[in-house]
Amino acid sequence: MRRRQFIVAGPALLAAPALAQPAWPEQPVRLVVPFAPGGPSDITARLFADELTKLLPQRVVVENRSGAGVVVGTELVAKAPKDGLTLLYTTVAHAVLRPLFPQLAFDAIADFHPVALLGLVPMVLLVNKDLPVQDLAGFVRLLREHPGRYNYGSGGNGSAVHLASELFLARAGGLQAQHIPYRGGAPAYADLLSGRLAMYMDVASSGLKPALDGQARGLGISAAERVPQAPGLPTFAQGGVTGAECATWHMVLAPAGTPAEKVQAANAALMRVTALPEVQRRLGDQAMQLRTDSTPASSATFLSAEEAKWAGVIRQAGIRVD
């Protein structure tokens, strides 16, 4: 999430009841993903694009535009024609663009019209299995008794893992732990297993497996409720840390100024996809909590709240990205 994520809609997505009508423009709809191919966001975006193509009389094509974190792809959509043929498939990275990079050539809020919040994936707090703690309360006690002695890793300054970790430490009573940024999550996770790191906050889609198979010790999950994939894993609140709920999420945005009827039609098509049993099964297996009732208005409210929350974490922790 270092300057760092869906593109669907347009004339092809005019009113949902008209999906079967033949008078659609021939241009494909571009679903811009500001990440390289093959990552979690890209894979999920392609699933949505495939399902939308089945619903609509025109193709939905994923276009990867990575670079400068998510800045290159996001700016492309911000400046795209307001015809509904270009949308952005993004993640929580979008909510921290303004707090982390105030000098960007676009405004991550004012230059976009939220279309739909698709789903959220909570975070799992993992610790090295040899650490002398068995639960979240014990870990909090350990950090409180030894301020600054233990460390945690992330995939880089300003990444989702970095911010979620700082939120947890703040809500657990202003605990102190040393942040070690890595070039991506894989080397950080490797150091957690080897014992070089004490803690790593991973997204549940990948973090539940090591917690369940015993490679690392899962102490809690950042969701409001326990997840069915790991019913024995308590929430942070159940472990005694309130206010640390957070998630990485998937959202579609259109350029600001896109006609409201096209935004609404795109939202209707996306909500049809999130309600598909096969999509719910596949993404549920990845611990994504899908939304089937998201609206453009509720998505805008959610995005504003996320930006405010993470801006506060960034300010309090003094997080900077060079």
C-alpha atoms as a PDB file:
ATOM      1  CA  MET A   1       0.000   0.000   0.000  1.00  0.00           C
ATOM      2  CA  ARG A   2       2.940   2.259  -0.534  1.00  0.00           C
ATOM      3  CA  ARG A   3       1.587   4.913  -2.965  1.00  0.00           C
ATOM      4  CA  ARG A   4      -0.649   2.301  -3.847  1.00  0.00           C
ATOM      5  CA  GLN A   5      -6.409  -0.857  -6.314  1.00  0.00           C
ATOM      6  CA  PHE A   6     -12.066  -2.397 -10.292  1.00  0.00           C
ATOM      7  CA  ILE A   7     -13.596  -1.335 -13.390  1.00  0.00           C
ATOM      8  CA  VAL A   8     -16.932  -2.308 -14.619  1.00  0.00           C
ATOM      9  CA  ALA A   9     -19.838  -0.194 -15.786  1.00  0.00           C
ATOM     10  CA  GLY A  10     -20.904   2.184 -18.409  1.00  0.00           C
ATOM     11  CA  PRO A  11     -23.472   2.376 -21.109  1.00  0.00           C
ATOM     12  CA  ALA A  12     -23.296  -1.395 -21.051  1.00  0.00           C
ATOM     13  CA  LEU A  13     -24.587  -1.253 -17.536  1.00  0.00           C
ATOM     14  CA  LEU A  14     -27.574   0.984 -18.135  1.00  0.00           C
ATOM     15  CA  ALA A  15     -30.693   0.025 -16.226  1.00  0.00           C
ATOM     16  CA  ALA A  16     -30.588  -3.535 -14.906  1.00  0.00           C
ATOM     17  CA  PRO A  17     -33.923  -4.547 -16.506  1.00  0.00           C
ATOM     18  CA  ALA A  18     -32.451  -3.636 -19.890  1.00  0.00           C
ATOM     19  CA  LEU A  19     -29.520  -6.042 -19.673  1.00  0.00           C
ATOM     20  CA  ALA A  20     -30.966  -8.281 -22.381  1.00  0.00           C
ATOM     21  CA  GLN A  21     -31.634  -5.491 -24.877  1.00  0.00           C
ATOM     22  CA  PRO A  22     -29.433  -5.501 -27.992  1.00  0.00           C
ATOM     23  CA  ALA A  23     -28.751  -1.759 -28.370  1.00  0.00           C
ATOM     24  CA  TRP A  24     -25.516  -1.627 -26.416  1.00  0.00           C
ATOM     25  CA  PRO A  25     -22.274   0.115 -27.402  1.00  0.00           C
ATOM     26  CA  GLU A  26     -19.676  -2.257 -28.753  1.00  0.00           C
ATOM     27  CA  GLN A  27     -16.740  -0.970 -26.714  1.00  0.00           C
ATOM     28  CA  PRO A  28     -15.657  -3.217 -23.862  1.00  0.00           C
ATOM     29  CA  VAL A  29     -15.836  -1.876 -20.332  1.00  0.00           C
ATOM     30  CA  ARG A  30     -12.405  -1.397 -18.764  1.00  0.00           C
ATOM     31  CA  LEU A  31     -11.918  -2.618 -15.220  1.00  0.00           C
ATOM     32  CA  VAL A  32      -8.695  -0.885 -14.145  1.00  0.00           C
ATOM     33  CA  VAL A  33      -6.686  -2.626 -11.438  1.00  0.00           C
ATOM     34  CA  PRO A  34      -3.744  -0.542 -10.162  1.00  0.00           C
ATOM     35  CA  PHE A  35      -1.730  -3.641  -9.267  1.00  0.00           C
ATOM     36  CA  ALA A  36       0.385  -6.095 -11.201  1.00  0.00           C
ATOM     37  CA  PRO A  37      -1.311  -9.261 -12.493  1.00  0.00           C
ATOM     38  CA  GLY A  38      -1.550 -12.262 -10.223  1.00  0.00           C
ATOM     39  CA  GLY A  39      -2.105 -10.619  -6.847  1.00  0.00           C
ATOM     40  CA  PRO A  40      -5.190 -11.050  -4.652  1.00  0.00           C
ATOM     41  CA  SER A  41      -6.913  -7.884  -5.909  1.00  0.00           C
ATOM     42  CA  ASP A  42      -6.232  -8.750  -9.540  1.00  0.00           C
ATOM     43  CA  ILE A  43      -7.554 -12.293  -9.120  1.00  0.00           C
ATOM     44  CA  THR A  44     -10.742 -11.058  -7.457  1.00  0.00           C
ATOM     45  CA  ALA A  45     -11.237  -8.328 -10.052  1.00  0.00           C
ATOM     46  CA  ARG A  46     -10.970 -10.925 -12.824  1.00  0.00           C
ATOM     47  CA  LEU A  47     -13.615 -13.058 -11.140  1.00  0.00           C
ATOM     48  CA  PHE A  48     -15.986 -10.088 -11.109  1.00  0.00           C
ATOM     49  CA  ALA A  49     -15.112  -9.188 -14.692  1.00  0.00           C
ATOM     50  CA  ASP A  50     -15.847 -12.735 -15.881  1.00  0.00           C
ATOM     51  CA  GLU A  51     -19.200 -12.836 -14.100  1.00  0.00           C
ATOM     52  CA  LEU A  52     -20.178  -9.378 -15.354  1.00  0.00           C
ATOM     53  CA  THR A  53     -19.352 -10.411 -18.901  1.00  0.00           C
ATOM     54  CA  LYS A  54     -21.843 -13.260 -18.517  1.00  0.00           C
ATOM     55  CA  LEU A  55     -24.524 -10.818 -17.353  1.00  0.00           C
ATOM     56  CA  LEU A  56     -23.944  -8.014 -19.824  1.00  0.00           C
ATOM     57  CA  PRO A  57     -24.088  -7.793 -23.619  1.00  0.00           C
ATOM     58  CA  GLN A  58     -20.497  -6.530 -23.771  1.00  0.00           C
ATOM     59  CA  ARG A  59     -17.161  -7.663 -22.370  1.00  0.00           C
ATOM     60  CA  VAL A  60     -15.664  -6.396 -19.126  1.00  0.00           C
ATOM     61  CA  VAL A  61     -11.890  -6.372 -19.511  1.00  0.00           C
ATOM     62  CA  VAL A  62      -9.391  -6.124 -16.667  1.00  0.00           C
ATOM     63  CA  GLU A  63      -6.586  -3.673 -17.356  1.00  0.00           C
ATOM     64  CA  ASN A  64      -3.622  -3.775 -14.977  1.00  0.00           C
ATOM     65  CA  ARG A  65      -1.996  -0.368 -14.500  1.00  0.00           C
ATOM     66  CA  SER A  66       0.468  -0.717 -11.646  1.00  0.00           C
ATOM     67  CA  GLY A  67       3.134   1.783 -10.730  1.00  0.00           C
ATOM     68  CA  ALA A  68       4.001   4.115  -7.843  1.00  0.00           C
ATOM     69  CA  GLY A  69       1.932   1.913  -5.609  1.00  0.00           C
ATOM     70  CA  VAL A  70      -1.632   2.394  -6.836  1.00  0.00           C
ATOM     71  CA  VAL A  71      -1.097   5.945  -8.080  1.00  0.00           C
ATOM     72  CA  VAL A  72      -0.668   5.245 -11.813  1.00  0.00           C
ATOM     73  CA  GLY A  73      -3.856   3.234 -12.256  1.00  0.00           C
ATOM     74  CA  THR A  74      -5.872   5.438  -9.925  1.00  0.00           C
ATOM     75  CA  GLU A  75      -4.862   8.632 -11.732  1.00  0.00           C
ATOM     76  CA  LEU A  76      -5.732   7.041 -15.086  1.00  0.00           C
ATOM     77  CA  VAL A  77      -9.315   6.488 -13.921  1.00  0.00           C
ATOM     78  CA  ALA A  78      -9.567   9.888 -12.255  1.00  0.00           C
ATOM     79  CA  LYS A  79      -8.827  11.505 -15.631  1.00  0.00           C
ATOM     80  CA  ALA A  80     -10.781   9.036 -17.805  1.00  0.00           C
ATOM     81  CA  PRO A  81     -13.883  10.080 -19.805  1.00  0.00           C
ATOM     82  CA  LYS A  82     -16.987  10.210 -17.628  1.00  0.00           C
ATOM     83  CA  ASP A  83     -18.877   7.782 -19.845  1.00  0.00           C
ATOM     84  CA  GLY A  84     -19.049   4.824 -17.484  1.00  0.00           C
ATOM     85  CA  LEU A  85     -16.740   2.721 -19.647  1.00  0.00           C
ATOM     86  CA  THR A  86     -13.788   3.009 -17.269  1.00  0.00           C
ATOM     87  CA  LEU A  87     -13.981   2.173 -13.564  1.00  0.00           C
ATOM     88  CA  LEU A  88     -11.465   1.536 -10.802  1.00  0.00           C
ATOM     89  CA  TYR A  89     -11.196  -1.675  -8.779  1.00  0.00           C
ATOM     90  CA  THR A  90      -9.505  -0.550  -5.594  1.00  0.00           C
ATOM     91  CA  THR A  91      -8.802  -1.518  -2.005  1.00  0.00           C
ATOM     92  CA  VAL A  92      -8.156   0.136   1.345  1.00  0.00           C
ATOM     93  CA  ALA A  93      -5.052   1.639  -0.286  1.00  0.00           C
ATOM     94  CA  HIS A  94      -7.357   4.247  -1.815  1.00  0.00           C
ATOM     95  CA  ALA A  95      -8.360   5.547   1.615  1.00  0.00           C
ATOM     96  CA  VAL A  96      -4.802   6.497   2.552  1.00  0.00           C
ATOM     97  CA  LEU A  97      -3.750   8.243  -0.653  1.00  0.00           C
ATOM     98  CA  ARG A  98      -4.628  11.731   0.542  1.00  0.00           C
ATOM     99  CA  PRO A  99      -3.204  11.326   4.088  1.00  0.00           C
ATOM    100  CA  LEU A 100       0.055   9.801   2.824  1.00  0.00           C
ATOM    101  CA  PHE A 101       0.491  11.669  -0.472  1.00  0.00           C
ATOM    102  CA  PRO A 102      -1.121  15.128  -0.241  1.00  0.00           C
ATOM    103  CA  GLN A 103       0.689  16.405  -3.348  1.00  0.00           C
ATOM    104  CA  LEU A 104      -0.815  13.967  -5.868  1.00  0.00           C
ATOM    105  CA  ALA A 105      -2.181  15.333  -9.139  1.00  0.00           C
ATOM    106  CA  PHE A 106      -5.658  14.023  -8.336  1.00  0.00           C
ATOM    107  CA  ASP A 107      -7.959  13.894  -5.314  1.00  0.00           C
ATOM    108  CA  ALA A 108      -8.812  10.363  -4.166  1.00  0.00           C
ATOM    109  CA  ILE A 109     -12.193  11.521  -2.830  1.00  0.00           C
ATOM    110  CA  ALA A 110     -13.323  14.501  -4.925  1.00  0.00           C
ATOM    111  CA  ASP A 111     -12.280  12.994  -8.274  1.00  0.00           C
ATOM    112  CA  PHE A 112     -14.214   9.729  -7.818  1.00  0.00           C
ATOM    113  CA  HIS A 113     -17.803   8.557  -7.498  1.00  0.00           C
ATOM    114  CA  PRO A 114     -18.051   5.370  -5.390  1.00  0.00           C
ATOM    115  CA  VAL A 115     -20.084   2.674  -7.131  1.00  0.00           C
ATOM    116  CA  ALA A 116     -20.136  -0.301  -4.769  1.00  0.00           C
ATOM    117  CA  LEU A 117     -18.339  -1.734  -1.772  1.00  0.00           C
ATOM    118  CA  LEU A 118     -17.971  -5.401  -2.742  1.00  0.00           C
ATOM    119  CA  GLY A 119     -16.578  -7.021   0.368  1.00  0.00           C
ATOM    120  CA  LEU A 120     -14.181  -6.886   3.283  1.00  0.00           C
ATOM    121  CA  VAL A 121     -11.397  -9.214   4.407  1.00  0.00           C
ATOM    122  CA  PRO A 122     -10.440  -8.894   8.105  1.00  0.00           C
ATOM    123  CA  MET A 123      -6.910  -9.130   9.456  1.00  0.00           C
ATOM    124  CA  VAL A 124      -5.420 -11.891  11.611  1.00  0.00           C
ATOM    125  CA  LEU A 125      -2.874 -11.136  14.320  1.00  0.00           C
ATOM    126  CA  LEU A 126      -0.167 -13.792  14.146  1.00  0.00           C
ATOM    127  CA  VAL A 127       2.749 -14.234  16.540  1.00  0.00           C
ATOM    128  CA  ASN A 128       5.725 -16.536  16.433  1.00  0.00           C
ATOM    129  CA  LYS A 129       4.669 -19.845  17.954  1.00  0.00           C
ATOM    130  CA  ASP A 130       7.591 -19.812  20.409  1.00  0.00           C
ATOM    131  CA  LEU A 131       6.553 -16.497  21.925  1.00  0.00           C
ATOM    132  CA  PRO A 132       5.530 -17.092  25.593  1.00  0.00           C
ATOM    133  CA  VAL A 133       1.882 -16.127  25.126  1.00  0.00           C
ATOM    134  CA  GLN A 134      -1.264 -18.154  24.505  1.00  0.00           C
ATOM    135  CA  ASP A 135      -3.883 -15.485  23.881  1.00  0.00           C
ATOM    136  CA  LEU A 136      -4.378 -11.842  22.990  1.00  0.00           C
ATOM    137  CA  ALA A 137      -4.514 -10.683  26.606  1.00  0.00           C
ATOM    138  CA  GLY A 138      -1.193 -12.375  27.289  1.00  0.00           C
ATOM    139  CA  PHE A 139       0.401 -10.734  24.239  1.00  0.00           C
ATOM    140  CA  VAL A 140      -0.839  -7.298  25.277  1.00  0.00           C
ATOM    141  CA  ARG A 141       0.547  -7.891  28.758  1.00  0.00           C
ATOM    142  CA  LEU A 142       3.917  -8.964  27.308  1.00  0.00           C
ATOM    143  CA  LEU A 143       4.220  -5.811  25.179  1.00  0.00           C
ATOM    144  CA  ARG A 144       3.168  -3.618  28.086  1.00  0.00           C
ATOM    145  CA  GLU A 145       5.786  -5.157  30.364  1.00  0.00           C
ATOM    146  CA  HIS A 146       8.540  -4.811  27.723  1.00  0.00           C
ATOM    147  CA  PRO A 147       7.883  -1.577  25.755  1.00  0.00           C
ATOM    148  CA  GLY A 148       9.831  -1.475  22.500  1.00  0.00           C
ATOM    149  CA  ARG A 149      11.473  -4.856  23.007  1.00  0.00           C
ATOM    150  CA  TYR A 150       9.373  -6.783  20.492  1.00  0.00           C
ATOM    151  CA  ASN A 151       8.964  -6.102  16.803  1.00  0.00           C
ATOM    152  CA  TYR A 152       6.416  -6.548  14.056  1.00  0.00           C
ATOM    153  CA  GLY A 153       6.734  -6.645  10.303  1.00  0.00           C
ATOM    154  CA  SER A 154       4.813  -5.306   7.331  1.00  0.00           C
ATOM    155  CA  GLY A 155       5.076  -5.139   3.568  1.00  0.00           C
ATOM    156  CA  GLY A 156       6.277  -1.538   3.765  1.00  0.00           C
ATOM    157  CA  ASN A 157       5.614   1.855   5.322  1.00  0.00           C
ATOM    158  CA  GLY A 158       1.978   2.838   4.894  1.00  0.00           C
ATOM    159  CA  SER A 159       0.885  -0.645   3.867  1.00  0.00           C
ATOM    160  CA  ALA A 160      -2.393  -2.127   5.109  1.00  0.00           C
ATOM    161  CA  VAL A 161      -0.484  -4.409   7.483  1.00  0.00           C
ATOM    162  CA  HIS A 162       1.527  -1.488   8.865  1.00  0.00           C
ATOM    163  CA  LEU A 163      -1.561   0.623   9.509  1.00  0.00           C
ATOM    164  CA  ALA A 164      -3.599  -2.238  10.985  1.00  0.00           C
ATOM    165  CA  SER A 165      -0.727  -3.051  13.345  1.00  0.00           C
ATOM    166  CA  GLU A 166      -0.449   0.557  14.512  1.00  0.00           C
ATOM    167  CA  LEU A 167      -4.212   0.718  15.039  1.00  0.00           C
ATOM    168  CA  PHE A 168      -4.057  -2.405  17.186  1.00  0.00           C
ATOM    169  CA  LEU A 169      -1.151  -1.110  19.271  1.00  0.00           C
ATOM    170  CA  ALA A 170      -2.902   2.212  19.847  1.00  0.00           C
ATOM    171  CA  ARG A 171      -6.241   0.651  20.826  1.00  0.00           C
ATOM    172  CA  ALA A 172      -4.503  -1.850  23.109  1.00  0.00           C
ATOM    173  CA  GLY A 173      -3.351   1.013  25.292  1.00  0.00           C
ATOM    174  CA  GLY A 174      -0.605   2.737  23.334  1.00  0.00           C
ATOM    175  CA  LEU A 175       1.710  -0.258  23.253  1.00  0.00           C
ATOM    176  CA  GLN A 176       5.202   0.163  21.839  1.00  0.00           C
ATOM    177  CA  ALA A 177       6.704  -2.272  19.318  1.00  0.00           C
ATOM    178  CA  GLN A 178       9.358  -1.777  16.684  1.00  0.00           C
ATOM    179  CA  HIS A 179       8.147  -1.673  13.078  1.00  0.00           C
ATOM    180  CA  ILE A 180      10.319  -3.445  10.502  1.00  0.00           C
ATOM    181  CA  PRO A 181       9.234  -2.715   6.913  1.00  0.00           C
ATOM    182  CA  TYR A 182       9.946  -5.333   4.239  1.00  0.00           C
ATOM    183  CA  ARG A 183       9.740  -5.311   0.479  1.00  0.00           C
ATOM    184  CA  GLY A 184       6.473  -7.210   0.454  1.00  0.00           C
ATOM    185  CA  GLY A 185       4.690  -9.544   2.820  1.00  0.00           C
ATOM    186  CA  ALA A 186       6.434 -12.809   1.908  1.00  0.00           C
ATOM    187  CA  PRO A 187       9.822 -12.026   3.509  1.00  0.00           C
ATOM    188  CA  ALA A 188       8.083 -10.599   6.590  1.00  0.00           C
ATOM    189  CA  TYR A 189       6.050 -13.762   6.977  1.00  0.00           C
ATOM    190  CA  ALA A 190       9.193 -15.889   6.585  1.00  0.00           C
ATOM    191  CA  ASP A 191      10.857 -13.946   9.395  1.00  0.00           C
ATOM    192  CA  LEU A 192       7.795 -14.412  11.592  1.00  0.00           C
ATOM    193  CA  LEU A 193       8.088 -18.181  11.218  1.00  0.00           C
ATOM    194  CA  SER A 194      11.830 -18.125  11.876  1.00  0.00           C
ATOM    195  CA  GLY A 195      11.430 -16.033  15.021  1.00  0.00           C
ATOM    196  CA  ARG A 196      13.052 -12.834  13.762  1.00  0.00           C
ATOM    197  CA  LEU A 197       9.664 -11.153  14.077  1.00  0.00           C
ATOM    198  CA  ALA A 198       7.345 -11.399  17.052  1.00  0.00           C
ATOM    199  CA  MET A 199       4.155 -10.295  15.283  1.00  0.00           C
ATOM    200  CA  TYR A 200       2.698 -10.041  11.801  1.00  0.00           C
ATOM    201  CA  MET A 201      -0.810  -8.812  10.989  1.00  0.00           C
ATOM    202  CA  ASP A 202      -1.929 -10.648   7.850  1.00  0.00           C
ATOM    203  CA  VAL A 203      -5.126 -10.539   5.801  1.00  0.00           C
ATOM    204  CA  ALA A 204      -7.378 -13.457   6.710  1.00  0.00           C
ATOM    205  CA  SER A 205      -7.353 -14.863   3.161  1.00  0.00           C
ATOM    206  CA  SER A 206      -3.721 -15.886   3.710  1.00  0.00           C
ATOM    207  CA  GLY A 207      -3.267 -15.483   7.473  1.00  0.00           C
ATOM    208  CA  LEU A 208      -5.806 -18.057   8.609  1.00  0.00           C
ATOM    209  CA  LYS A 209      -3.903 -21.004   7.139  1.00  0.00           C
ATOM    210  CA  PRO A 210      -0.721 -20.651   9.247  1.00  0.00           C
ATOM    211  CA  ALA A 211      -2.887 -20.007  12.301  1.00  0.00           C
ATOM    212  CA  LEU A 212      -4.907 -23.170  11.714  1.00  0.00           C
ATOM    213  CA  ASP A 213      -2.024 -25.464  10.777  1.00  0.00           C
ATOM    214  CA  GLY A 214       0.191 -24.373  13.668  1.00  0.00           C
ATOM    215  CA  GLN A 215       2.987 -22.634  11.743  1.00  0.00           C
ATOM    216  CA  ALA A 216       2.215 -19.487  13.721  1.00  0.00           C
ATOM    217  CA  ARG A 217      -0.096 -18.697  16.620  1.00  0.00           C
ATOM    218  CA  GLY A 218      -3.261 -16.795  15.712  1.00  0.00           C
ATOM    219  CA  LEU A 219      -4.349 -14.599  18.618  1.00  0.00           C
ATOM    220  CA  GLY A 220      -7.276 -12.692  17.186  1.00  0.00           C
ATOM    221  CA  ILE A 221      -9.118 -11.393  14.155  1.00  0.00           C
ATOM    222  CA  SER A 222     -10.029  -7.787  13.422  1.00  0.00           C
ATOM    223  CA  ALA A 223     -13.648  -8.522  12.440  1.00  0.00           C
ATOM    224  CA  ALA A 224     -16.694  -7.574  14.491  1.00  0.00           C
ATOM    225  CA  GLU A 225     -17.672 -11.253  14.699  1.00  0.00           C
ATOM    226  CA  ARG A 226     -15.815 -14.551  14.514  1.00  0.00           C
ATOM    227  CA  VAL A 227     -15.373 -15.916  11.013  1.00  0.00           C
ATOM    228  CA  PRO A 228     -16.738 -19.341   9.991  1.00  0.00           C
ATOM    229  CA  GLN A 229     -13.372 -20.373   8.559  1.00  0.00           C
ATOM    230  CA  ALA A 230     -11.839 -20.207  12.048  1.00  0.00           C
ATOM    231  CA  PRO A 231     -14.614 -20.243  14.666  1.00  0.00           C
ATOM    232  CA  GLY A 232     -12.120 -20.801  17.471  1.00  0.00           C
ATOM    233  CA  LEU A 233     -10.278 -17.548  16.741  1.00  0.00           C
ATOM    234  CA  PRO A 234     -11.638 -14.720  18.932  1.00  0.00           C
ATOM    235  CA  THR A 235     -12.201 -11.194  17.722  1.00  0.00           C
ATOM    236  CA  PHE A 236      -9.941  -8.448  19.048  1.00  0.00           C
ATOM    237  CA  ALA A 237     -12.825  -7.186  21.173  1.00  0.00           C
ATOM    238  CA  GLN A 238     -13.358 -10.637  22.661  1.00  0.00           C
ATOM    239  CA  GLY A 239      -9.648 -10.655  23.485  1.00  0.00           C
ATOM    240  CA  GLY A 240      -9.945  -7.353  25.336  1.00  0.00           C
ATOM    241  CA  VAL A 241      -8.903  -4.855  22.627  1.00  0.00           C
ATOM    242  CA  THR A 242     -11.815  -2.706  21.450  1.00  0.00           C
ATOM    243  CA  GLY A 243     -11.873  -0.226  18.575  1.00  0.00           C
ATOM    244  CA  ALA A 244      -9.252  -2.088  16.512  1.00  0.00           C
ATOM    245  CA  GLU A 245     -11.695  -3.546  13.979  1.00  0.00           C
ATOM    246  CA  CYS A 246     -10.398  -3.081  10.447  1.00  0.00           C
ATOM    247  CA  ALA A 247     -10.197  -4.822   7.101  1.00  0.00           C
ATOM    248  CA  THR A 248      -8.797  -4.603   3.661  1.00  0.00           C
ATOM    249  CA  TRP A 249     -11.702  -4.147   1.277  1.00  0.00           C
ATOM    250  CA  HIS A 250     -12.663  -4.155  -2.388  1.00  0.00           C
ATOM    251  CA  MET A 251     -14.558  -1.286  -3.963  1.00  0.00           C
ATOM    252  CA  VAL A 252     -15.458  -0.044  -7.454  1.00  0.00           C
ATOM    253  CA  LEU A 253     -15.277   3.653  -8.219  1.00  0.00           C
ATOM    254  CA  ALA A 254     -16.098   5.724 -11.310  1.00  0.00           C
ATOM    255  CA  PRO A 255     -14.639   9.086 -12.295  1.00  0.00           C
ATOM    256  CA  ALA A 256     -16.469  11.962 -10.636  1.00  0.00           C
ATOM    257  CA  GLY A 257     -19.087  13.341 -12.976  1.00  0.00           C
ATOM    258  CA  THR A 258     -20.142   9.963 -14.351  1.00  0.00           C
ATOM    259  CA  PRO A 259     -23.944  10.186 -14.837  1.00  0.00           C
ATOM    260  CA  ALA A 260     -25.851   8.911 -11.815  1.00  0.00           C
ATOM    261  CA  GLU A 261     -27.905   6.456 -13.869  1.00  0.00           C
ATOM    262  CA  LYS A 262     -24.739   4.752 -15.086  1.00  0.00           C
ATOM    263  CA  VAL A 263     -23.336   4.574 -11.569  1.00  0.00           C
ATOM    264  CA  GLN A 264     -26.605   3.072 -10.339  1.00  0.00           C
ATOM    265  CA  ALA A 265     -26.668   0.549 -13.183  1.00  0.00           C
ATOM    266  CA  ALA A 266     -23.086  -0.480 -12.457  1.00  0.00           C
ATOM    267  CA  ASN A 267     -23.975  -0.897  -8.806  1.00  0.00           C
ATOM    268  CA  ALA A 268     -26.977  -3.088  -9.683  1.00  0.00           C
ATOM    269  CA  ALA A 269     -24.852  -5.358 -11.871  1.00  0.00           C
ATOM    270  CA  LEU A 270     -22.140  -5.684  -9.234  1.00  0.00           C
ATOM    271  CA  MET A 271     -24.648  -6.522  -6.520  1.00  0.00           C
ATOM    272  CA  ARG A 272     -26.041  -9.259  -8.781  1.00  0.00           C
ATOM    273  CA  VAL A 273     -22.541 -10.723  -8.931  1.00  0.00           C
ATOM    274  CA  THR A 274     -21.937 -10.588  -5.169  1.00  0.00           C
ATOM    275  CA  ALA A 275     -25.236 -12.473  -4.687  1.00  0.00           C
ATOM    276  CA  LEU A 276     -24.204 -15.369  -6.955  1.00  0.00           C
ATOM    277  CA  PRO A 277     -23.772 -18.585  -4.922  1.00  0.00           C
ATOM    278  CA  GLU A 278     -20.572 -19.559  -6.733  1.00  0.00           C
ATOM    279  CA  VAL A 279     -19.011 -16.141  -6.138  1.00  0.00           C
ATOM    280  CA  GLN A 280     -20.024 -16.278  -2.483  1.00  0.00           C
ATOM    281  CA  ARG A 281     -18.501 -19.728  -2.174  1.00  0.00           C
ATOM    282  CA  ARG A 282     -15.213 -18.857  -3.881  1.00  0.00           C
ATOM    283  CA  LEU A 283     -14.660 -15.581  -2.079  1.00  0.00           C
ATOM    284  CA  GLY A 284     -16.057 -16.929   1.177  1.00  0.00           C
ATOM    285  CA  ASP A 285     -13.283 -19.502   1.053  1.00  0.00           C
ATOM    286  CA  GLN A 286     -10.910 -16.520   1.022  1.00  0.00           C
ATOM    287  CA  ALA A 287     -12.598 -15.105   4.147  1.00  0.00           C
ATOM    288  CA  MET A 288     -14.127 -12.209   2.198  1.00  0.00           C
ATOM    289  CA  GLN A 289     -17.321 -10.894   3.725  1.00  0.00           C
ATOM    290  CA  LEU A 290     -19.321  -9.994   0.614  1.00  0.00           C
ATOM    291  CA  ARG A 291     -21.803  -7.122   0.515  1.00  0.00           C
ATOM    292  CA  THR A 292     -25.041  -7.650  -1.394  1.00  0.00           C
ATOM    293  CA  ASP A 293     -26.788  -4.437  -0.333  1.00  0.00           C
ATOM    294  CA  SER A 294     -24.126  -1.828  -1.025  1.00  0.00           C
ATOM    295  CA  THR A 295     -25.240   1.422  -2.696  1.00  0.00           C
ATOM    296  CA  PRO A 296     -23.232   4.318  -4.145  1.00  0.00           C
ATOM    297  CA  ALA A 297     -24.277   6.450  -1.171  1.00  0.00           C
ATOM    298  CA  SER A 298     -23.332   3.873   1.466  1.00  0.00           C
ATOM    299  CA  SER A 299     -20.034   3.239  -0.343  1.00  0.00           C
ATOM    300  CA  ALA A 300     -19.217   6.954  -0.274  1.00  0.00           C
ATOM    301  CA  THR A 301     -19.977   7.122   3.449  1.00  0.00           C
ATOM    302  CA  PHE A 302     -17.813   4.069   4.082  1.00  0.00           C
ATOM    303  CA  LEU A 303     -14.882   5.482   2.081  1.00  0.00           C
ATOM    304  CA  SER A 304     -14.989   8.808   3.913  1.00  0.00           C
ATOM    305  CA  ALA A 305     -15.040   7.050   7.277  1.00  0.00           C
ATOM    306  CA  GLU A 306     -12.116   4.842   6.274  1.00  0.00           C
ATOM    307  CA  GLU A 307     -10.041   7.819   5.183  1.00  0.00           C
ATOM    308  CA  ALA A 308     -10.747   9.616   8.467  1.00  0.00           C
ATOM    309  CA  LYS A 309      -9.849   6.533  10.523  1.00  0.00           C
ATOM    310  CA  TRP A 310      -6.574   5.846   8.739  1.00  0.00           C
ATOM    311  CA  ALA A 311      -5.605   9.516   8.599  1.00  0.00           C
ATOM    312  CA  GLY A 312      -5.815   9.518  12.392  1.00  0.00           C
ATOM    313  CA  VAL A 313      -3.621   6.422  12.649  1.00  0.00           C
ATOM    314  CA  ILE A 314      -1.093   7.906  10.231  1.00  0.00           C
ATOM    315  CA  ARG A 315      -0.968  11.172  12.174  1.00  0.00           C
ATOM    316  CA  GLN A 316      -0.727   9.552  15.612  1.00  0.00           C
ATOM    317  CA  ALA A 317       1.974   7.061  14.567  1.00  0.00           C
ATOM    318  CA  GLY A 318       3.891   9.644  12.526  1.00  0.00           C
ATOM    319  CA  ILE A 319       3.893   7.429   9.444  1.00  0.00           C
ATOM    320  CA  ARG A 320       5.671   8.861   6.420  1.00  0.00           C
ATOM    321  CA  VAL A 321       6.313   7.442   2.961  1.00  0.00           C
ATOM    322  CA  ASP A 322       9.273   8.845   1.072  1.00  0.00           C
END
